[in-house]
Amino acid sequence: MGTLIFLLVVVVVIAGVMWGRKYFRREIDRAKRINRANKKD
């Protein structure tokens, strides 16, 4: 039973990360560009 719960938690975390990366990709790319521009100064 504990193994089943652990696997379920792992699947939920992986699915959440994949959904988050898909959903926030534009924001993450924008933040990276802003950080790069700020470091050059």
C-alpha atoms as a PDB file:
ATOM      1  CA  MET A   1       0.000   0.000   0.000  1.00  0.00           C
ATOM      2  CA  GLY A   2       2.794   2.423   0.856  1.00  0.00           C
ATOM      3  CA  THR A   3       4.501   1.701  -2.469  1.00  0.00           C
ATOM      4  CA  LEU A   4       1.271   2.459  -4.331  1.00  0.00           C
ATOM      5  CA  ILE A   5       0.914   5.821  -2.572  1.00  0.00           C
ATOM      6  CA  PHE A   6       4.573   6.635  -3.281  1.00  0.00           C
ATOM      7  CA  LEU A   7       4.161   5.838  -7.003  1.00  0.00           C
ATOM      8  CA  LEU A   8       0.994   7.924  -7.143  1.00  0.00           C
ATOM      9  CA  VAL A   9       2.792  10.895  -5.579  1.00  0.00           C
ATOM     10  CA  VAL A  10       5.698  10.527  -8.032  1.00  0.00           C
ATOM     11  CA  VAL A  11       3.319  10.445 -11.018  1.00  0.00           C
ATOM     12  CA  VAL A  12       1.440  13.526  -9.765  1.00  0.00           C
ATOM     13  CA  VAL A  13       4.700  15.452  -9.260  1.00  0.00           C
ATOM     14  CA  ILE A  14       6.013  14.550 -12.721  1.00  0.00           C
ATOM     15  CA  ALA A  15       2.694  15.452 -14.362  1.00  0.00           C
ATOM     16  CA  GLY A  16       2.623  18.749 -12.466  1.00  0.00           C
ATOM     17  CA  VAL A  17       6.151  19.661 -13.545  1.00  0.00           C
ATOM     18  CA  MET A  18       5.412  18.837 -17.187  1.00  0.00           C
ATOM     19  CA  TRP A  19       2.174  20.845 -17.130  1.00  0.00           C
ATOM     20  CA  GLY A  20       3.903  23.758 -15.394  1.00  0.00           C
ATOM     21  CA  ARG A  21       6.763  23.848 -17.890  1.00  0.00           C
ATOM     22  CA  LYS A  22       4.324  23.798 -20.803  1.00  0.00           C
ATOM     23  CA  TYR A  23       2.114  26.468 -19.258  1.00  0.00           C
ATOM     24  CA  PHE A  24       4.854  28.812 -18.009  1.00  0.00           C
ATOM     25  CA  ARG A  25       7.418  28.309 -20.821  1.00  0.00           C
ATOM     26  CA  ARG A  26       6.941  31.845 -22.189  1.00  0.00           C
ATOM     27  CA  GLU A  27       7.324  33.394 -18.750  1.00  0.00           C
ATOM     28  CA  ILE A  28      10.450  31.354 -18.023  1.00  0.00           C
ATOM     29  CA  ASP A  29      12.035  32.316 -21.368  1.00  0.00           C
ATOM     30  CA  ARG A  30      11.202  35.972 -20.761  1.00  0.00           C
ATOM     31  CA  ALA A  31      12.754  35.875 -17.301  1.00  0.00           C
ATOM     32  CA  LYS A  32      15.913  34.269 -18.704  1.00  0.00           C
ATOM     33  CA  ARG A  33      16.224  36.979 -21.368  1.00  0.00           C
ATOM     34  CA  ILE A  34      15.758  39.719 -18.768  1.00  0.00           C
ATOM     35  CA  ASN A  35      18.381  38.146 -16.491  1.00  0.00           C
ATOM     36  CA  ARG A  36      20.877  37.862 -19.360  1.00  0.00           C
ATOM     37  CA  ALA A  37      20.304  41.484 -20.344  1.00  0.00           C
ATOM     38  CA  ASN A  38      20.824  42.626 -16.754  1.00  0.00           C
ATOM     39  CA  LYS A  39      24.066  40.654 -16.341  1.00  0.00           C
ATOM     40  CA  LYS A  40      25.678  42.358 -19.368  1.00  0.00           C
ATOM     41  CA  ASP A  41      25.496  45.782 -17.722  1.00  0.00           C
END
